[in-house]
């Protein structure tokens, strides 16, 4: 899912993973932006080398949803 669709699991992935027994130590949330690539690369390396279950959740607003929000914001600012 890109994040533009409604889902019962939206923004609950960490809670779902914890409910399945994941520890916070190996449950990582990253923001996939170019400026964060060094951090993301290190997180991925660390978790690949971990001999157990780990989860990496990339979280970023869907680009289509972002464009829609920006367009709505511009329209509101134009009304003011």
C-alpha atoms as a PDB file:
ATOM      1  CA  UNK A   1       0.000   0.000   0.000  1.00  0.00           C
ATOM      2  CA  UNK A   2       1.218   3.491  -0.738  1.00  0.00           C
ATOM      3  CA  UNK A   3      -0.522   5.103   2.223  1.00  0.00           C
ATOM      4  CA  UNK A   4      -3.272   6.741   0.210  1.00  0.00           C
ATOM      5  CA  UNK A   5      -5.678   3.893   0.885  1.00  0.00           C
ATOM      6  CA  UNK A   6      -7.574   3.400   4.120  1.00  0.00           C
ATOM      7  CA  UNK A   7      -6.681   0.276   6.064  1.00  0.00           C
ATOM      8  CA  UNK A   8      -7.321  -1.060   9.535  1.00  0.00           C
ATOM      9  CA  UNK A   9      -3.536  -1.417   9.866  1.00  0.00           C
ATOM     10  CA  UNK A  10      -2.587   2.113   8.839  1.00  0.00           C
ATOM     11  CA  UNK A  11      -0.065   3.546  11.326  1.00  0.00           C
ATOM     12  CA  UNK A  12      -0.361   0.420  13.454  1.00  0.00           C
ATOM     13  CA  UNK A  13       2.461  -1.635  11.969  1.00  0.00           C
ATOM     14  CA  UNK A  14       4.671  -1.221  15.038  1.00  0.00           C
ATOM     15  CA  UNK A  15       1.846  -2.306  17.352  1.00  0.00           C
ATOM     16  CA  UNK A  16       1.124  -5.319  15.145  1.00  0.00           C
ATOM     17  CA  UNK A  17       4.807  -6.322  15.193  1.00  0.00           C
ATOM     18  CA  UNK A  18       5.000  -5.891  18.974  1.00  0.00           C
ATOM     19  CA  UNK A  19       1.861  -7.992  19.317  1.00  0.00           C
ATOM     20  CA  UNK A  20       3.653 -10.731  17.387  1.00  0.00           C
ATOM     21  CA  UNK A  21       6.543 -10.589  19.865  1.00  0.00           C
ATOM     22  CA  UNK A  22       8.975  -8.177  18.182  1.00  0.00           C
ATOM     23  CA  UNK A  23      11.201  -6.187  20.490  1.00  0.00           C
ATOM     24  CA  UNK A  24      11.801  -2.470  19.923  1.00  0.00           C
ATOM     25  CA  UNK A  25      15.522  -3.198  19.591  1.00  0.00           C
ATOM     26  CA  UNK A  26      14.938  -4.793  16.185  1.00  0.00           C
ATOM     27  CA  UNK A  27      11.814  -2.925  15.098  1.00  0.00           C
ATOM     28  CA  UNK A  28      13.002   0.084  13.106  1.00  0.00           C
ATOM     29  CA  UNK A  29      11.045   2.857  11.385  1.00  0.00           C
ATOM     30  CA  UNK A  30      12.882   4.831   8.694  1.00  0.00           C
ATOM     31  CA  UNK A  31      11.893   7.767   6.498  1.00  0.00           C
ATOM     32  CA  UNK A  32      12.987   6.924   2.943  1.00  0.00           C
ATOM     33  CA  UNK A  33      14.422  10.247   1.826  1.00  0.00           C
ATOM     34  CA  UNK A  34      17.777  10.778   0.099  1.00  0.00           C
ATOM     35  CA  UNK A  35      19.110  12.727   3.085  1.00  0.00           C
ATOM     36  CA  UNK A  36      18.450   9.697   5.325  1.00  0.00           C
ATOM     37  CA  UNK A  37      20.272   7.135   3.174  1.00  0.00           C
ATOM     38  CA  UNK A  38      23.379   6.854   5.391  1.00  0.00           C
ATOM     39  CA  UNK A  39      21.165   6.108   8.417  1.00  0.00           C
ATOM     40  CA  UNK A  40      18.945   3.700   6.447  1.00  0.00           C
ATOM     41  CA  UNK A  41      21.986   1.901   5.038  1.00  0.00           C
ATOM     42  CA  UNK A  42      23.375   1.424   8.549  1.00  0.00           C
ATOM     43  CA  UNK A  43      20.026   0.208   9.904  1.00  0.00           C
ATOM     44  CA  UNK A  44      19.777  -2.296   7.053  1.00  0.00           C
ATOM     45  CA  UNK A  45      23.325  -3.532   7.619  1.00  0.00           C
ATOM     46  CA  UNK A  46      22.733  -3.915  11.348  1.00  0.00           C
ATOM     47  CA  UNK A  47      19.493  -5.825  10.871  1.00  0.00           C
ATOM     48  CA  UNK A  48      20.876  -8.081   8.117  1.00  0.00           C
ATOM     49  CA  UNK A  49      23.718  -9.026  10.461  1.00  0.00           C
ATOM     50  CA  UNK A  50      21.328  -9.676  13.365  1.00  0.00           C
ATOM     51  CA  UNK A  51      20.678 -13.396  13.734  1.00  0.00           C
ATOM     52  CA  UNK A  52      16.992 -13.212  14.458  1.00  0.00           C
ATOM     53  CA  UNK A  53      13.809 -11.599  13.304  1.00  0.00           C
ATOM     54  CA  UNK A  54      13.856  -7.898  12.594  1.00  0.00           C
ATOM     55  CA  UNK A  55      11.454  -5.518  10.890  1.00  0.00           C
ATOM     56  CA  UNK A  56      12.244  -2.278   9.054  1.00  0.00           C
ATOM     57  CA  UNK A  57       9.224  -0.112   8.307  1.00  0.00           C
ATOM     58  CA  UNK A  58       9.721   2.619   5.693  1.00  0.00           C
ATOM     59  CA  UNK A  59       7.285   5.432   6.450  1.00  0.00           C
ATOM     60  CA  UNK A  60       6.649   8.382   4.173  1.00  0.00           C
ATOM     61  CA  UNK A  61       3.565  10.070   2.838  1.00  0.00           C
ATOM     62  CA  UNK A  62       2.440   8.811  -0.567  1.00  0.00           C
ATOM     63  CA  UNK A  63       3.586  11.259  -3.251  1.00  0.00           C
ATOM     64  CA  UNK A  64       0.093  11.407  -4.780  1.00  0.00           C
ATOM     65  CA  UNK A  65      -1.444  12.139  -1.389  1.00  0.00           C
ATOM     66  CA  UNK A  66       1.248  14.740  -0.689  1.00  0.00           C
ATOM     67  CA  UNK A  67       0.525  16.515  -3.989  1.00  0.00           C
ATOM     68  CA  UNK A  68      -3.197  16.506  -3.176  1.00  0.00           C
ATOM     69  CA  UNK A  69      -2.532  17.989   0.289  1.00  0.00           C
ATOM     70  CA  UNK A  70      -0.260  20.683  -1.149  1.00  0.00           C
ATOM     71  CA  UNK A  71      -2.875  21.589  -3.746  1.00  0.00           C
ATOM     72  CA  UNK A  72      -5.565  21.854  -1.052  1.00  0.00           C
ATOM     73  CA  UNK A  73      -3.284  24.007   1.111  1.00  0.00           C
ATOM     74  CA  UNK A  74      -2.581  26.367  -1.804  1.00  0.00           C
ATOM     75  CA  UNK A  75      -6.307  26.689  -2.490  1.00  0.00           C
ATOM     76  CA  UNK A  76      -6.989  27.546   1.165  1.00  0.00           C
ATOM     77  CA  UNK A  77      -4.202  30.121   1.229  1.00  0.00           C
ATOM     78  CA  UNK A  78      -5.547  31.712  -1.948  1.00  0.00           C
ATOM     79  CA  UNK A  79      -8.974  32.144  -0.296  1.00  0.00           C
ATOM     80  CA  UNK A  80      -7.432  34.079   2.607  1.00  0.00           C
END
